[in-house]
Amino acid sequence: MAQTLTAFAARHGRCAALIHADVTTGVAERDRVLFAWLPGDVVALAAPGALVVSGWAIQHPLLEAVALPEGVPEGRYFAYRRCE
């Protein structure tokens, strides 16, 4: 995924309106290391205003957290809007 997502972003640019990045090992510390490349690729694909949903917290200056629907357990999913 690290190779294909990077290649897709290079080819298509910021075209995605919705990105569902639910890749996780279930261990937050491990995810931060294994998927350190993911925030940059997500931002490279996300159009301004795009919604990004993830199974773990993604940290990037161009992603702003948004509230999840009522009833979603805290810490289970995370949602962001790409700002510009």
PDB file of N, CA and C in Angstrom:
ATOM      1  N   MET A   1       0.815  -1.188   0.000  1.00  0.00           N
ATOM      2  CA  MET A   1       0.000   0.000   0.000  1.00  0.00           C
ATOM      3  C   MET A   1       0.860   1.254   0.000  1.00  0.00           C
ATOM      4  N   ALA A   2       1.978   1.240   0.699  1.00  0.00           N
ATOM      5  CA  ALA A   2       2.851   2.412   0.723  1.00  0.00           C
ATOM      6  C   ALA A   2       3.340   2.746  -0.684  1.00  0.00           C
ATOM      7  N   GLN A   3       3.608   1.748  -1.482  1.00  0.00           N
ATOM      8  CA  GLN A   3       4.080   1.976  -2.851  1.00  0.00           C
ATOM      9  C   GLN A   3       2.949   2.404  -3.780  1.00  0.00           C
ATOM     10  N   THR A   4       1.831   1.711  -3.727  1.00  0.00           N
ATOM     11  CA  THR A   4       0.742   2.009  -4.653  1.00  0.00           C
ATOM     12  C   THR A   4       0.058   3.327  -4.323  1.00  0.00           C
ATOM     13  N   LEU A   5      -0.112   3.634  -3.049  1.00  0.00           N
ATOM     14  CA  LEU A   5      -0.759   4.889  -2.671  1.00  0.00           C
ATOM     15  C   LEU A   5       0.103   6.082  -3.068  1.00  0.00           C
ATOM     16  N   THR A   6       1.395   5.979  -2.858  1.00  0.00           N
ATOM     17  CA  THR A   6       2.318   7.039  -3.249  1.00  0.00           C
ATOM     18  C   THR A   6       2.291   7.239  -4.762  1.00  0.00           C
ATOM     19  N   ALA A   7       2.304   6.145  -5.517  1.00  0.00           N
ATOM     20  CA  ALA A   7       2.264   6.229  -6.977  1.00  0.00           C
ATOM     21  C   ALA A   7       0.941   6.832  -7.457  1.00  0.00           C
ATOM     22  N   PHE A   8      -0.155   6.435  -6.845  1.00  0.00           N
ATOM     23  CA  PHE A   8      -1.462   6.968  -7.222  1.00  0.00           C
ATOM     24  C   PHE A   8      -1.531   8.463  -6.954  1.00  0.00           C
ATOM     25  N   ALA A   9      -1.027   8.883  -5.799  1.00  0.00           N
ATOM     26  CA  ALA A   9      -1.021  10.311  -5.453  1.00  0.00           C
ATOM     27  C   ALA A   9      -0.173  11.103  -6.440  1.00  0.00           C
ATOM     28  N   ALA A  10       0.962  10.561  -6.832  1.00  0.00           N
ATOM     29  CA  ALA A  10       1.829  11.242  -7.793  1.00  0.00           C
ATOM     30  C   ALA A  10       1.142  11.375  -9.156  1.00  0.00           C
ATOM     31  N   ARG A  11       0.373  10.385  -9.498  1.00  0.00           N
ATOM     32  CA  ARG A  11      -0.288  10.365 -10.812  1.00  0.00           C
ATOM     33  C   ARG A  11      -1.544  11.215 -10.867  1.00  0.00           C
ATOM     34  N   HIS A  12      -2.330  11.207  -9.769  1.00  0.00           N
ATOM     35  CA  HIS A  12      -3.644  11.846  -9.787  1.00  0.00           C
ATOM     36  C   HIS A  12      -3.751  13.107  -8.935  1.00  0.00           C
ATOM     37  N   GLY A  13      -2.844  13.305  -8.012  1.00  0.00           N
ATOM     38  CA  GLY A  13      -2.882  14.509  -7.187  1.00  0.00           C
ATOM     39  C   GLY A  13      -4.054  14.544  -6.230  1.00  0.00           C
ATOM     40  N   ARG A  14      -4.420  15.735  -5.822  1.00  0.00           N
ATOM     41  CA  ARG A  14      -5.463  15.931  -4.813  1.00  0.00           C
ATOM     42  C   ARG A  14      -6.848  15.832  -5.445  1.00  0.00           C
ATOM     43  N   CYS A  15      -7.321  14.607  -5.627  1.00  0.00           N
ATOM     44  CA  CYS A  15      -8.592  14.389  -6.309  1.00  0.00           C
ATOM     45  C   CYS A  15      -9.650  13.705  -5.447  1.00  0.00           C
ATOM     46  N   ALA A  16      -9.277  13.150  -4.306  1.00  0.00           N
ATOM     47  CA  ALA A  16     -10.219  12.348  -3.511  1.00  0.00           C
ATOM     48  C   ALA A  16     -11.111  13.220  -2.634  1.00  0.00           C
ATOM     49  N   ALA A  17     -12.412  12.931  -2.665  1.00  0.00           N
ATOM     50  CA  ALA A  17     -13.365  13.617  -1.800  1.00  0.00           C
ATOM     51  C   ALA A  17     -13.552  12.875  -0.478  1.00  0.00           C
ATOM     52  N   LEU A  18     -13.286  11.563  -0.492  1.00  0.00           N
ATOM     53  CA  LEU A  18     -13.410  10.727   0.697  1.00  0.00           C
ATOM     54  C   LEU A  18     -12.276   9.708   0.704  1.00  0.00           C
ATOM     55  N   ILE A  19     -11.593   9.616   1.838  1.00  0.00           N
ATOM     56  CA  ILE A  19     -10.541   8.611   1.993  1.00  0.00           C
ATOM     57  C   ILE A  19     -10.836   7.813   3.246  1.00  0.00           C
ATOM     58  N   HIS A  20     -10.921   6.495   3.096  1.00  0.00           N
ATOM     59  CA  HIS A  20     -11.129   5.597   4.227  1.00  0.00           C
ATOM     60  C   HIS A  20      -9.820   4.844   4.449  1.00  0.00           C
ATOM     61  N   ALA A  21      -9.092   5.244   5.465  1.00  0.00           N
ATOM     62  CA  ALA A  21      -7.771   4.668   5.736  1.00  0.00           C
ATOM     63  C   ALA A  21      -7.827   3.863   7.029  1.00  0.00           C
ATOM     64  N   ASP A  22      -8.495   2.741   6.976  1.00  0.00           N
ATOM     65  CA  ASP A  22      -8.671   1.917   8.167  1.00  0.00           C
ATOM     66  C   ASP A  22      -7.631   0.801   8.188  1.00  0.00           C
ATOM     67  N   VAL A  23      -6.363   1.203   8.163  1.00  0.00           N
ATOM     68  CA  VAL A  23      -5.259   0.254   8.256  1.00  0.00           C
ATOM     69  C   VAL A  23      -4.693   0.345   9.663  1.00  0.00           C
ATOM     70  N   THR A  24      -4.700  -0.763  10.348  1.00  0.00           N
ATOM     71  CA  THR A  24      -4.208  -0.758  11.725  1.00  0.00           C
ATOM     72  C   THR A  24      -3.812  -2.167  12.133  1.00  0.00           C
ATOM     73  N   THR A  25      -2.852  -2.233  13.017  1.00  0.00           N
ATOM     74  CA  THR A  25      -2.456  -3.519  13.587  1.00  0.00           C
ATOM     75  C   THR A  25      -3.164  -3.741  14.914  1.00  0.00           C
ATOM     76  N   GLY A  26      -3.814  -2.696  15.411  1.00  0.00           N
ATOM     77  CA  GLY A  26      -4.454  -2.772  16.713  1.00  0.00           C
ATOM     78  C   GLY A  26      -3.552  -2.313  17.847  1.00  0.00           C
ATOM     79  N   VAL A  27      -2.318  -1.976  17.523  1.00  0.00           N
ATOM     80  CA  VAL A  27      -1.365  -1.493  18.529  1.00  0.00           C
ATOM     81  C   VAL A  27      -0.919  -0.099  18.089  1.00  0.00           C
ATOM     82  N   ALA A  28      -1.401   0.930  18.769  1.00  0.00           N
ATOM     83  CA  ALA A  28      -1.172   2.314  18.356  1.00  0.00           C
ATOM     84  C   ALA A  28       0.301   2.652  18.167  1.00  0.00           C
ATOM     85  N   GLU A  29       1.146   2.199  19.075  1.00  0.00           N
ATOM     86  CA  GLU A  29       2.580   2.504  18.971  1.00  0.00           C
ATOM     87  C   GLU A  29       3.176   1.888  17.702  1.00  0.00           C
ATOM     88  N   ARG A  30       2.779   0.680  17.406  1.00  0.00           N
ATOM     89  CA  ARG A  30       3.266  -0.010  16.205  1.00  0.00           C
ATOM     90  C   ARG A  30       2.738   0.690  14.947  1.00  0.00           C
ATOM     91  N   ASP A  31       1.470   1.088  14.968  1.00  0.00           N
ATOM     92  CA  ASP A  31       0.873   1.760  13.815  1.00  0.00           C
ATOM     93  C   ASP A  31       1.606   3.055  13.481  1.00  0.00           C
ATOM     94  N   ARG A  32       1.976   3.815  14.494  1.00  0.00           N
ATOM     95  CA  ARG A  32       2.673   5.082  14.249  1.00  0.00           C
ATOM     96  C   ARG A  32       3.990   4.859  13.515  1.00  0.00           C
ATOM     97  N   VAL A  33       4.654   3.752  13.767  1.00  0.00           N
ATOM     98  CA  VAL A  33       5.918   3.442  13.094  1.00  0.00           C
ATOM     99  C   VAL A  33       5.651   2.842  11.708  1.00  0.00           C
ATOM    100  N   LEU A  34       4.801   1.820  11.643  1.00  0.00           N
ATOM    101  CA  LEU A  34       4.539   1.132  10.374  1.00  0.00           C
ATOM    102  C   LEU A  34       3.888   2.034   9.329  1.00  0.00           C
ATOM    103  N   PHE A  35       3.038   2.927   9.780  1.00  0.00           N
ATOM    104  CA  PHE A  35       2.273   3.765   8.856  1.00  0.00           C
ATOM    105  C   PHE A  35       2.678   5.232   8.929  1.00  0.00           C
ATOM    106  N   ALA A  36       3.920   5.507   9.263  1.00  0.00           N
ATOM    107  CA  ALA A  36       4.404   6.887   9.371  1.00  0.00           C
ATOM    108  C   ALA A  36       4.266   7.638   8.050  1.00  0.00           C
ATOM    109  N   TRP A  37       4.299   6.932   6.943  1.00  0.00           N
ATOM    110  CA  TRP A  37       4.176   7.528   5.613  1.00  0.00           C
ATOM    111  C   TRP A  37       2.731   7.915   5.275  1.00  0.00           C
ATOM    112  N   LEU A  38       1.748   7.325   5.956  1.00  0.00           N
ATOM    113  CA  LEU A  38       0.348   7.469   5.571  1.00  0.00           C
ATOM    114  C   LEU A  38      -0.185   8.905   5.613  1.00  0.00           C
ATOM    115  N   PRO A  39       0.049   9.696   6.664  1.00  0.00           N
ATOM    116  CA  PRO A  39      -0.524  11.047   6.673  1.00  0.00           C
ATOM    117  C   PRO A  39      -0.125  11.884   5.460  1.00  0.00           C
ATOM    118  N   GLY A  40       1.123  11.817   5.060  1.00  0.00           N
ATOM    119  CA  GLY A  40       1.562  12.589   3.893  1.00  0.00           C
ATOM    120  C   GLY A  40       0.882  12.147   2.615  1.00  0.00           C
ATOM    121  N   ASP A  41       0.709  10.842   2.440  1.00  0.00           N
ATOM    122  CA  ASP A  41       0.039  10.329   1.239  1.00  0.00           C
ATOM    123  C   ASP A  41      -1.446  10.656   1.252  1.00  0.00           C
ATOM    124  N   VAL A  42      -2.063  10.595   2.413  1.00  0.00           N
ATOM    125  CA  VAL A  42      -3.480  10.949   2.521  1.00  0.00           C
ATOM    126  C   VAL A  42      -3.680  12.406   2.126  1.00  0.00           C
ATOM    127  N   VAL A  43      -2.850  13.283   2.661  1.00  0.00           N
ATOM    128  CA  VAL A  43      -2.960  14.706   2.339  1.00  0.00           C
ATOM    129  C   VAL A  43      -2.675  14.953   0.854  1.00  0.00           C
ATOM    130  N   ALA A  44      -1.743  14.202   0.278  1.00  0.00           N
ATOM    131  CA  ALA A  44      -1.423  14.360  -1.142  1.00  0.00           C
ATOM    132  C   ALA A  44      -2.589  13.965  -2.036  1.00  0.00           C
ATOM    133  N   LEU A  45      -3.452  13.068  -1.566  1.00  0.00           N
ATOM    134  CA  LEU A  45      -4.611  12.613  -2.349  1.00  0.00           C
ATOM    135  C   LEU A  45      -5.886  13.400  -2.071  1.00  0.00           C
ATOM    136  N   ALA A  46      -6.012  13.954  -0.883  1.00  0.00           N
ATOM    137  CA  ALA A  46      -7.260  14.587  -0.466  1.00  0.00           C
ATOM    138  C   ALA A  46      -7.440  15.964  -1.083  1.00  0.00           C
ATOM    139  N   ALA A  47      -8.570  16.150  -1.744  1.00  0.00           N
ATOM    140  CA  ALA A  47      -8.926  17.467  -2.273  1.00  0.00           C
ATOM    141  C   ALA A  47      -9.250  18.390  -1.096  1.00  0.00           C
ATOM    142  N   PRO A  48      -9.145  19.694  -1.277  1.00  0.00           N
ATOM    143  CA  PRO A  48      -9.545  20.604  -0.203  1.00  0.00           C
ATOM    144  C   PRO A  48     -10.986  20.310   0.231  1.00  0.00           C
ATOM    145  N   GLY A  49     -11.192  20.177   1.537  1.00  0.00           N
ATOM    146  CA  GLY A  49     -12.511  19.867   2.076  1.00  0.00           C
ATOM    147  C   GLY A  49     -12.828  18.387   2.129  1.00  0.00           C
ATOM    148  N   ALA A  50     -11.940  17.533   1.641  1.00  0.00           N
ATOM    149  CA  ALA A  50     -12.186  16.086   1.632  1.00  0.00           C
ATOM    150  C   ALA A  50     -12.335  15.554   3.052  1.00  0.00           C
ATOM    151  N   LEU A  51     -13.111  14.498   3.182  1.00  0.00           N
ATOM    152  CA  LEU A  51     -13.296  13.816   4.453  1.00  0.00           C
ATOM    153  C   LEU A  51     -12.360  12.616   4.503  1.00  0.00           C
ATOM    154  N   VAL A  52     -11.650  12.475   5.619  1.00  0.00           N
ATOM    155  CA  VAL A  52     -10.737  11.350   5.833  1.00  0.00           C
ATOM    156  C   VAL A  52     -11.210  10.612   7.079  1.00  0.00           C
ATOM    157  N   VAL A  53     -11.454   9.313   6.954  1.00  0.00           N
ATOM    158  CA  VAL A  53     -11.882   8.481   8.076  1.00  0.00           C
ATOM    159  C   VAL A  53     -10.812   7.418   8.286  1.00  0.00           C
ATOM    160  N   SER A  54     -10.435   7.204   9.549  1.00  0.00           N
ATOM    161  CA  SER A  54      -9.337   6.294   9.846  1.00  0.00           C
ATOM    162  C   SER A  54      -9.623   5.487  11.100  1.00  0.00           C
ATOM    163  N   GLY A  55      -8.956   4.350  11.201  1.00  0.00           N
ATOM    164  CA  GLY A  55      -9.048   3.518  12.387  1.00  0.00           C
ATOM    165  C   GLY A  55      -8.056   3.927  13.461  1.00  0.00           C
ATOM    166  N   TRP A  56      -7.221   4.899  13.173  1.00  0.00           N
ATOM    167  CA  TRP A  56      -6.275   5.416  14.161  1.00  0.00           C
ATOM    168  C   TRP A  56      -6.080   6.903  13.927  1.00  0.00           C
ATOM    169  N   ALA A  57      -5.602   7.578  14.943  1.00  0.00           N
ATOM    170  CA  ALA A  57      -5.431   9.030  14.876  1.00  0.00           C
ATOM    171  C   ALA A  57      -4.318   9.383  13.892  1.00  0.00           C
ATOM    172  N   ILE A  58      -4.647  10.224  12.928  1.00  0.00           N
ATOM    173  CA  ILE A  58      -3.674  10.686  11.934  1.00  0.00           C
ATOM    174  C   ILE A  58      -3.309  12.123  12.283  1.00  0.00           C
ATOM    175  N   GLN A  59      -2.037  12.385  12.333  1.00  0.00           N
ATOM    176  CA  GLN A  59      -1.585  13.735  12.659  1.00  0.00           C
ATOM    177  C   GLN A  59      -0.924  14.362  11.445  1.00  0.00           C
ATOM    178  N   HIS A  60      -1.481  15.469  10.991  1.00  0.00           N
ATOM    179  CA  HIS A  60      -0.906  16.242   9.896  1.00  0.00           C
ATOM    180  C   HIS A  60      -1.467  17.662  10.006  1.00  0.00           C
ATOM    181  N   PRO A  61      -0.638  18.676   9.758  1.00  0.00           N
ATOM    182  CA  PRO A  61      -1.112  20.060   9.903  1.00  0.00           C
ATOM    183  C   PRO A  61      -2.271  20.425   8.978  1.00  0.00           C
ATOM    184  N   LEU A  62      -2.467  19.710   7.880  1.00  0.00           N
ATOM    185  CA  LEU A  62      -3.559  20.025   6.964  1.00  0.00           C
ATOM    186  C   LEU A  62      -4.815  19.199   7.212  1.00  0.00           C
ATOM    187  N   LEU A  63      -4.825  18.392   8.277  1.00  0.00           N
ATOM    188  CA  LEU A  63      -6.015  17.622   8.638  1.00  0.00           C
ATOM    189  C   LEU A  63      -6.589  18.166   9.941  1.00  0.00           C
ATOM    190  N   GLU A  64      -7.860  18.519   9.898  1.00  0.00           N
ATOM    191  CA  GLU A  64      -8.556  19.047  11.067  1.00  0.00           C
ATOM    192  C   GLU A  64      -9.586  18.027  11.537  1.00  0.00           C
ATOM    193  N   ALA A  65      -9.541  17.668  12.800  1.00  0.00           N
ATOM    194  CA  ALA A  65     -10.470  16.670  13.347  1.00  0.00           C
ATOM    195  C   ALA A  65     -11.910  17.162  13.246  1.00  0.00           C
ATOM    196  N   VAL A  66     -12.815  16.235  12.921  1.00  0.00           N
ATOM    197  CA  VAL A  66     -14.246  16.528  12.898  1.00  0.00           C
ATOM    198  C   VAL A  66     -14.955  15.530  13.813  1.00  0.00           C
ATOM    199  N   ALA A  67     -16.103  15.914  14.309  1.00  0.00           N
ATOM    200  CA  ALA A  67     -16.862  15.069  15.228  1.00  0.00           C
ATOM    201  C   ALA A  67     -17.407  13.837  14.509  1.00  0.00           C
ATOM    202  N   LEU A  68     -17.395  12.732  15.212  1.00  0.00           N
ATOM    203  CA  LEU A  68     -17.966  11.489  14.689  1.00  0.00           C
ATOM    204  C   LEU A  68     -19.457  11.444  15.012  1.00  0.00           C
ATOM    205  N   PRO A  69     -20.209  10.605  14.308  1.00  0.00           N
ATOM    206  CA  PRO A  69     -21.631  10.462  14.625  1.00  0.00           C
ATOM    207  C   PRO A  69     -21.831   9.967  16.062  1.00  0.00           C
ATOM    208  N   GLU A  70     -22.941  10.336  16.628  1.00  0.00           N
ATOM    209  CA  GLU A  70     -23.277   9.892  17.978  1.00  0.00           C
ATOM    210  C   GLU A  70     -23.314   8.372  18.034  1.00  0.00           C
ATOM    211  N   GLY A  71     -22.772   7.814  19.119  1.00  0.00           N
ATOM    212  CA  GLY A  71     -22.790   6.379  19.319  1.00  0.00           C
ATOM    213  C   GLY A  71     -21.506   5.670  18.911  1.00  0.00           C
ATOM    214  N   VAL A  72     -20.608   6.370  18.204  1.00  0.00           N
ATOM    215  CA  VAL A  72     -19.328   5.755  17.839  1.00  0.00           C
ATOM    216  C   VAL A  72     -18.431   5.779  19.073  1.00  0.00           C
ATOM    217  N   PRO A  73     -17.934   4.623  19.505  1.00  0.00           N
ATOM    218  CA  PRO A  73     -17.094   4.584  20.713  1.00  0.00           C
ATOM    219  C   PRO A  73     -15.840   5.460  20.557  1.00  0.00           C
ATOM    220  N   GLU A  74     -15.528   6.218  21.598  1.00  0.00           N
ATOM    221  CA  GLU A  74     -14.361   7.091  21.569  1.00  0.00           C
ATOM    222  C   GLU A  74     -13.088   6.279  21.328  1.00  0.00           C
ATOM    223  N   GLY A  75     -12.257   6.763  20.407  1.00  0.00           N
ATOM    224  CA  GLY A  75     -11.000   6.112  20.103  1.00  0.00           C
ATOM    225  C   GLY A  75     -11.092   4.973  19.099  1.00  0.00           C
ATOM    226  N   ARG A  76     -12.301   4.617  18.673  1.00  0.00           N
ATOM    227  CA  ARG A  76     -12.445   3.510  17.708  1.00  0.00           C
ATOM    228  C   ARG A  76     -12.202   3.976  16.278  1.00  0.00           C
ATOM    229  N   TYR A  77     -12.731   5.138  15.928  1.00  0.00           N
ATOM    230  CA  TYR A  77     -12.536   5.738  14.611  1.00  0.00           C
ATOM    231  C   TYR A  77     -12.195   7.203  14.778  1.00  0.00           C
ATOM    232  N   PHE A  78     -11.621   7.769  13.735  1.00  0.00           N
ATOM    233  CA  PHE A  78     -11.245   9.179  13.735  1.00  0.00           C
ATOM    234  C   PHE A  78     -11.639   9.760  12.387  1.00  0.00           C
ATOM    235  N   ALA A  79     -12.082  11.008  12.389  1.00  0.00           N
ATOM    236  CA  ALA A  79     -12.492  11.661  11.138  1.00  0.00           C
ATOM    237  C   ALA A  79     -11.827  13.034  11.062  1.00  0.00           C
ATOM    238  N   TYR A  80     -11.481  13.398   9.833  1.00  0.00           N
ATOM    239  CA  TYR A  80     -10.778  14.656   9.588  1.00  0.00           C
ATOM    240  C   TYR A  80     -11.310  15.301   8.316  1.00  0.00           C
ATOM    241  N   ARG A  81     -11.127  16.597   8.228  1.00  0.00           N
ATOM    242  CA  ARG A  81     -11.408  17.350   7.019  1.00  0.00           C
ATOM    243  C   ARG A  81     -10.086  17.942   6.558  1.00  0.00           C
ATOM    244  N   ARG A  82      -9.778  17.828   5.261  1.00  0.00           N
ATOM    245  CA  ARG A  82      -8.535  18.415   4.750  1.00  0.00           C
ATOM    246  C   ARG A  82      -8.772  19.902   4.568  1.00  0.00           C
ATOM    247  N   CYS A  83      -7.995  20.692   5.263  1.00  0.00           N
ATOM    248  CA  CYS A  83      -8.110  22.144   5.130  1.00  0.00           C
ATOM    249  C   CYS A  83      -7.051  22.646   4.162  1.00  0.00           C
ATOM    250  N   GLU A  84      -7.231  23.841   3.716  1.00  0.00           N
ATOM    251  CA  GLU A  84      -6.283  24.432   2.769  1.00  0.00           C
ATOM    252  C   GLU A  84      -6.213  25.904   3.026  1.00  0.00           C
TER     253      GLU A  84
END
